[in-house]
Amino acid sequence: MKKIVIAAAIIAAGAGAYWYTQHGTSSSVSANPLLDYVPADTPVFSGQLKPFPLKAYLQSISGNYQQYPTDVFAELGELDNPMGKFFVSVYQQYMEGIKEPALLLKTFGFPDEIKPYFYTLGALPVLKIDVDQVAAFWAVLDKAEKDSGVTHEMRQIGGVDYRAYALSDESSSEKADLLFAHKDGILTVTFSTSVTEPELLEMALGLKKAPQSLAASGMLQEIIKTHGFMDDSISFINHVEIVKALTSPDSNMLSKQLTKLFADENNGEDPLAEIRTPECRAELTAIAGNWPRTVAGLTAFSVTEKESHMAASFVVETKNQPILTALQKMRGFIPAHLANIDSTIFSLGLGFDVNEVAPSLTAVWDDLQKPQLTCAPLADLQAELSQQSPAMLGMFTGMANGVKGMSVSLLDYKMGTQESEPQLESLDALVSLSADNPAMLFNMVKPFAPMLAEVQLAENGDATDLSPLLMLPPELGIKPMLAIKGQHLVVYSGDKGLALANKLASEKLSANGMYSLSADYGKMFTPVITLLEMSGEPIPEEVQMLKDYNMRIQMSFDVNKQGIVLGSVVNSKTSDNK
C-alpha cells in the first residue's frame, strides 16, 4: 500500500507541475467555453485561461532533467499492485520523453500549447487537457496496460466512448473506476463509483452544462481584479462552499453527495452531526466568511525555448480586520538584494518588528477569544486557546528591542584541495541584523559574549577583523569583518560581501516583508560536486543530478490588505551541457 501511495504521489506531483505552469481579464474568461461545465459552487478550481506554451516551457527546463536516480524506478517497479505498476509505466514514459520536448508531445499527443483545467463536481475530481492526437495517448495507456497487466472496459454515455479502469477489487461491493474520455480535442480524466449519478458523469465528460456555472458567476474576473493577477490562469479553494458542505445536508453539490454517502454507508448515521447543528452552522459560516478563499495566480510570466520565468502568489483571503492589522504591524525589513533572484547563491531573510510581535500576537489572541462560541468543538478549541496567552513573549522580545530583521546571503565561494582533502578557499557572504540602533544592540550583547568585550565598533562604518577572535587559520582564506553600516550590524567576508554591505548602508528601515528565501541550485552545488569528482569520491546519483542544474527559486511570506501571501518564483534556463 505504501508503494502505491508513493506512485500516486509521483503522478500527482507531475499534475501539480502542470498546475504551476498555469497563469486569467474578462476576455480570457469568456473565451473559455469549458467554464460553462464548471459549477459555481465547486470547492476547488485551477484553470488555464490562455494557452500555455508547453513545448517551449519543456524545452527551457529539459536540460535540468537529464538524470534521475535509477533506484527510484527500480523500487517503484517492485509494486505488487497492478494499478500501481500502471501509473509507474505512464510516469516512466513521461520521464523518457521530457528530455526531448518534441518526443514527449508526440508520445502523449499534446499540442504545442495547452489549456488544462482541474476542478471538482462536489467531491468528484475532473482533469481536462488538450490532446490533438488521441491515438498517441491511447498508445501510452496501452503500453501501461501491457507493463502492468491492467485492462480497461469500454463504456459509453451520451454518445461518448470512454475507458474505465477498475480501482477496486472484483469482490468488493463498492466499485471505483478511473475514467478516460476524449471529446472535441479535450481529454477528460475523472472517476466514477457505485453512487455516481449519470447526470454527474455527463457534466464531467462535457455533455451537460452546469445549471449555475463558474463562467456566469463572475468569480474569476473578481479574483483577477482584486489581487492583480495576470489573466492567464486562476486557482482557488472556496472555504465558504466547503463549510456549507460540512455543516448542511443540502446546501450545495458537495453537501448533497456527502449526505447521500453517509446514508448509504453509515446506516443513516451522520458523522458530521456534531457540526451540523444550527449553532455550528452559524459560527463556522461566519468564520468562513472572514476567511473565504485561498486563491492563486501568476504575477509574472515569460517562456521561451531558452528560459522560463514564473512568479506566483498564493493568498489566504481574510476580511478579519483586527487580525489583519495585527499581522501587518509585525512586518519588518528585508534587504533589497533578496528580491533579486540572480543576486545570490543562497539567501534567507526574516523581517519582524520585534517591538510589535508580542502586542500583535496578543491582539490576535484577544480577537480569537470573542465572541464566546457555543458550537461544542469550537468552544473547546477556544477554551484551550484561552490558556495560552502570548503576553509572556514580551519578556523575551525586550532583549531585542528595535530589531526589524536579519538576513544571510551567500554570494560566492570556491573549493579546493589541500593534501587531497577538500577545503574552502574563499567565501563571499553577508550576515546582517537591521535595527533602530544597532550599536546599542551590540553593546547589550557584549556582556554575554566575552570574546567581544574588547571590540569597539565605529559608527562611521569602519570594520573590525574577527579572524583573531574566531581563531581562523590564514590558509582558510576567510576574513570575517564586523561593522555598523547605517542601521545594520553586519558581518561580511570577501570583496562581494563588502560591496553588498556598503550598498546596504544606504537602505533605510521599512516594513516591507516577513520572510524571503532564494537559492541558485547550479551555483550552490556545482563547485562541491566538481571537487568530489576530482577527489575520486563516489557521488550518489541523486546528488550528481544537481550538477549544472540551471534553476533558481525564491519563496516569500508576507501580509497585504487582502490577506496572508505566499510568493513563489521559479526561473529555469536550458542547461549549458544539454
Foldseek 3Di string as FASTA:
>chain_A
DVLLVVLVVVVVVVVVVVLQQFFAALVLLVVDPLLQLAAQLWQKKKKFSDWGQQLLFLLFQLQLLPFDDPVVLVVQLPDPDLVSLLSSLLVVLCSVCSNPSVSNCQQQQADRIKMWMWTAQQPKIKIKMFHPPNVSNVVSSVVSCVRRVWDWDWDDDPRWIKTWTWPDDPPDPKTKTWIWTDDPRMIMTIMDIPPDDSVNVCSRRVNDGDPHGSSVPCVRNVVCVVPVTDRGMKIKRFQLSVLCLLQDCDPHSNVVVLQVVCVVPVVNDRPSVLQNDPQNSVVSNVVCVQQGMWMKHWPDWDGGSFKTKTKMKIFRFGPPVQLLVLQLQQFFFDDPQLVPLPQAQKKKKFFTQLVSPQVSVQSVLVVLLPDQGDRVVSNVVSVVSVVPRSNVSVVVSVLVHFWGMKMKGWHAWAWDDDPLHIATQFTWIKIKIFGPAVQVSVVSCCVVPVLCVPPDADQVWDWDWCCVSVVDDVRNHWTWIWYDQQRMTMTTTDPNNVVVSNVSSPDDIDRDFGIKIKHQQQRVQQNVVVSCVVSVHDDDSVSVSSHQSGKMKMWGWGRDPGHTMIMIMIMGGNRPVD
